[in-house]
Structure formats: structure tokens, C-alpha cells
Amino acid sequence: MKYEIAYISQSGNTEKLAHGIADSLPHRDTFVTDLSCEEITGKADTYLICFGMKKEAIPLKVMEVLEELEGKSIMFFVTASVKPTEDNVKEIERRLEPFMPIECDYKGLYLCPGQVSDEKFEKLLTLHSQQPDNMQISEALEICKQTFGRPNQEDIDDACDFAREKLDIE
């Protein structure tokens, strides 16, 4: 087995992304693991770790998995309700760095917009109705609206292109 896509998904955003990436890789060489109920096989050469960022925290399960990937190639696919800017990618990489194996081939991180939870959106709507002139709340509400339906097919296609490019797959 060459590739193992290991994901943890609370809302379904990351699961959708992980399976989209899996579909773009050679099927006979690719295995998908749902970290919420399975352990990684440890048999792949390359691990594509997919997870969602909530409150800027790396999930504990991702930290645990990274401990087992000494000598492997690793890349990350992260869904979050933040803009996929270079600065945001670097910040997530900074948070991941303490958990990365000393000996690994780090291939990169793809940051994908993920839909904001209904709970968070409702809280922002309530705050906005209470403080309609608060620009920070208005801006946050607009960013949330832009995440509806994300990741979409274009996001998944971009993630697949990123994976294939970094893994040198045509």
C-alpha cells in the first residue's frame, strides 16, 4: 500500500474531502481510515492526514497518529472556517510542528474552507441582531456565509490537484 488517507471529521466536511482525495489516487494503492473508529495501518509509505480545525486546536487523535509515522511521508488536509491564506497555512503548520516525527518527509498542508457550524452561525446572527453596527460581527457573519456548502467540488478538485502535485502523480 502506498497511500493511507486518515481522517477525523465531526461535521462531515473533512470526510467529504478525504473521500474526494481518495477517489483521485490510484485505487489499488490507496486505503482510507476513519480515525474516529479505526487505527492507522502503519503499512503505507505516505499518509494524507485530514482533519478539521476548531478553536485553532489540533485534534488529539491527529497528535497520536503523528507519533506513529516516523520515517513516513506526511501531508495534511485541513478544513477550517478561515480563509485559506499563506499566513493561515503557516500558523497551522506552526501548531503541528511539535507533534511531527523528527524523521519524516513533510509534503505540505492544504487548507480548505469548511462550512461553519449551524450553532456558530446562529450565535453570530443573534450577536448581529443585538449589535447591528459592530463591524467585526458583520465581517464574521459575511465570512460564515461564504463557507456554506464548503468544501464544494472546486475545493475537492483543488485538494486533489495539490495531493497529486506533491506526490508527483500524473
Protein backbone atom coordinates (compact mmCIF):
# COMPACT_ATOMS: atom_id res chain seq x y z
CA MET A 1 0.00 0.00 0.00
CA LYS A 2 1.38 3.38 -0.96
CA TYR A 3 -1.18 5.85 0.43
CA GLU A 4 -3.30 5.92 3.54
CA ILE A 5 -5.78 8.72 3.95
CA ALA A 6 -6.53 9.03 7.65
CA TYR A 7 -9.26 11.45 8.62
CA ILE A 8 -11.29 12.62 11.56
CA SER A 9 -14.48 14.50 10.83
CA GLN A 10 -17.03 15.91 13.24
CA SER A 11 -19.38 17.62 10.81
CA GLY A 12 -18.76 15.67 7.61
CA ASN A 13 -16.67 18.40 5.90
CA THR A 14 -13.39 16.56 6.32
CA GLU A 15 -14.85 13.15 5.47
CA LYS A 16 -16.15 14.58 2.19
CA LEU A 17 -12.69 15.98 1.42
CA ALA A 18 -10.87 12.75 2.38
CA HIS A 19 -13.02 10.57 0.15
CA GLY A 20 -12.70 13.04 -2.71
CA ILE A 21 -8.91 12.84 -2.45
CA ALA A 22 -9.04 9.04 -2.23
CA ASP A 23 -11.02 8.90 -5.46
CA SER A 24 -8.26 10.82 -7.26
CA LEU A 25 -5.44 8.47 -6.21
CA PRO A 26 -4.68 5.02 -7.63
CA HIS A 27 -7.37 2.82 -6.07
CA ARG A 28 -5.24 -0.30 -5.65
CA ASP A 29 -2.61 1.75 -3.76
CA THR A 30 -4.93 3.76 -1.51
CA PHE A 31 -6.60 2.96 1.82
CA VAL A 32 -8.95 5.24 3.80
CA THR A 33 -9.09 5.18 7.60
CA ASP A 34 -11.73 6.91 9.72
CA LEU A 35 -9.78 7.84 12.84
CA SER A 36 -12.93 8.20 14.90
CA CYS A 37 -13.34 4.42 14.88
CA GLU A 38 -10.20 2.89 13.32
CA GLU A 39 -6.45 2.94 13.81
CA ILE A 40 -3.97 3.62 11.01
CA THR A 41 -2.50 0.52 9.38
CA GLY A 42 1.12 1.69 9.58
CA LYS A 43 1.70 -0.05 6.23
CA ALA A 44 1.57 2.93 3.87
CA ASP A 45 4.52 4.88 2.55
CA THR A 46 2.60 8.17 2.52
CA TYR A 47 -0.02 9.43 4.96
CA LEU A 48 -2.53 12.07 3.99
CA ILE A 49 -3.91 13.28 7.33
CA CYS A 50 -7.24 15.10 7.10
CA PHE A 51 -8.84 16.94 9.99
CA GLY A 52 -10.91 19.97 10.88
CA MET A 53 -9.66 22.85 12.99
CA LYS A 54 -11.97 24.00 15.73
CA LYS A 55 -10.91 26.80 18.03
CA GLU A 56 -7.43 26.64 16.48
CA ALA A 57 -6.69 23.28 18.12
CA ILE A 58 -5.05 20.22 16.60
CA PRO A 59 -7.24 17.18 17.39
CA LEU A 60 -5.73 14.83 19.97
CA LYS A 61 -6.19 11.86 17.62
CA VAL A 62 -4.03 13.60 14.99
CA MET A 63 -1.30 14.15 17.59
CA GLU A 64 -1.44 10.44 18.49
CA VAL A 65 -1.27 9.31 14.85
CA LEU A 66 1.74 11.51 14.15
CA GLU A 67 3.68 9.64 16.86
CA GLU A 68 3.41 6.50 14.71
CA LEU A 69 4.65 7.98 11.43
CA GLU A 70 8.42 8.08 11.89
CA GLY A 71 10.11 7.66 8.51
CA LYS A 72 6.91 8.16 6.50
CA SER A 73 5.87 10.85 4.03
CA ILE A 74 3.18 13.06 5.52
CA MET A 75 0.86 15.71 4.17
CA PHE A 76 -2.12 17.44 5.74
CA PHE A 77 -5.54 18.49 4.50
CA VAL A 78 -7.29 20.79 6.95
CA THR A 79 -10.84 22.11 6.84
CA ALA A 80 -11.50 25.29 8.79
CA SER A 81 -13.78 28.28 8.72
CA VAL A 82 -10.87 30.60 7.90
CA LYS A 83 -9.62 31.91 4.60
CA PRO A 84 -7.00 29.62 3.02
CA THR A 85 -4.22 32.20 3.08
CA GLU A 86 -0.49 31.54 3.28
CA ASP A 87 -0.42 33.07 6.78
CA ASN A 88 -3.17 30.73 7.99
CA VAL A 89 -1.36 27.72 6.50
CA LYS A 90 1.85 28.74 8.25
CA GLU A 91 0.01 29.17 11.56
CA ILE A 92 -1.47 25.66 11.34
CA GLU A 93 1.94 24.24 10.41
CA ARG A 94 3.39 26.02 13.45
CA ARG A 95 0.78 24.32 15.65
CA LEU A 96 1.52 20.90 14.08
CA GLU A 97 5.31 21.17 14.32
CA PRO A 98 5.70 19.95 17.94
CA PHE A 99 3.86 16.72 17.04
CA MET A 100 5.66 15.93 13.78
CA PRO A 101 8.03 12.95 13.76
CA ILE A 102 11.69 14.00 13.74
CA GLU A 103 12.33 11.75 10.76
CA CYS A 104 9.63 12.24 8.13
CA ASP A 105 9.20 13.60 4.64
CA TYR A 106 6.80 16.51 5.08
CA LYS A 107 4.99 17.19 1.80
CA GLY A 108 2.85 20.19 2.76
CA LEU A 109 -0.53 21.36 4.02
CA TYR A 110 -3.66 22.16 2.05
CA LEU A 111 -6.14 24.43 3.83
CA CYS A 112 -9.70 24.04 2.66
CA PRO A 113 -12.71 26.15 3.62
CA GLY A 114 -15.15 24.21 5.74
CA GLN A 115 -18.71 25.17 6.48
CA VAL A 116 -19.21 26.92 9.78
CA SER A 117 -21.40 25.00 12.20
CA ASP A 118 -25.06 25.95 12.43
CA GLU A 119 -24.50 26.71 16.12
CA LYS A 120 -21.75 29.23 15.40
CA PHE A 121 -23.78 30.83 12.62
CA GLU A 122 -26.84 31.17 14.89
CA LYS A 123 -24.70 32.80 17.60
CA LEU A 124 -23.37 35.32 15.09
CA LEU A 125 -26.88 36.08 13.84
CA THR A 126 -28.01 36.71 17.43
CA LEU A 127 -24.99 38.94 18.12
CA HIS A 128 -25.57 40.83 14.88
CA SER A 129 -29.22 41.47 15.74
CA GLN A 130 -28.11 42.83 19.14
CA GLN A 131 -25.22 44.88 17.72
CA PRO A 132 -26.01 45.66 14.06
CA ASP A 133 -23.34 48.40 13.87
CA ASN A 134 -20.49 46.17 15.12
CA MET A 135 -18.25 45.77 12.07
CA GLN A 136 -16.35 42.77 13.48
CA ILE A 137 -19.56 40.82 13.91
CA SER A 138 -20.77 41.86 10.46
CA GLU A 139 -17.48 40.76 8.87
CA ALA A 140 -17.52 37.45 10.74
CA LEU A 141 -21.09 36.87 9.57
CA GLU A 142 -20.08 37.50 5.96
CA ILE A 143 -17.17 35.07 6.23
CA CYS A 144 -19.56 32.47 7.66
CA LYS A 145 -21.96 32.93 4.74
CA GLN A 146 -19.08 32.31 2.32
CA THR A 147 -18.45 28.90 3.93
CA PHE A 148 -21.92 27.50 3.15
CA GLY A 149 -21.63 24.32 1.13
CA ARG A 150 -17.89 24.05 1.67
CA PRO A 151 -15.94 22.08 0.83
CA ASN A 152 -17.51 22.18 -2.61
CA GLN A 153 -16.43 20.28 -5.72
CA GLU A 154 -13.95 23.00 -6.67
CA ASP A 155 -12.33 22.77 -3.21
CA ILE A 156 -12.09 18.99 -3.54
CA ASP A 157 -10.63 19.27 -7.04
CA ASP A 158 -8.04 21.77 -5.77
CA ALA A 159 -7.12 19.44 -2.88
CA CYS A 160 -6.75 16.54 -5.32
CA ASP A 161 -4.52 18.65 -7.57
CA PHE A 162 -2.41 19.61 -4.53
CA ALA A 163 -2.05 15.95 -3.50
CA ARG A 164 -1.20 14.73 -6.99
CA GLU A 165 1.34 17.52 -7.47
CA LYS A 166 3.09 16.96 -4.12
CA LEU A 167 3.06 13.19 -4.64
CA ASP A 168 4.23 13.53 -8.25
CA ILE A 169 1.25 11.59 -9.65
CA GLU A 170 0.10 12.40 -13.16
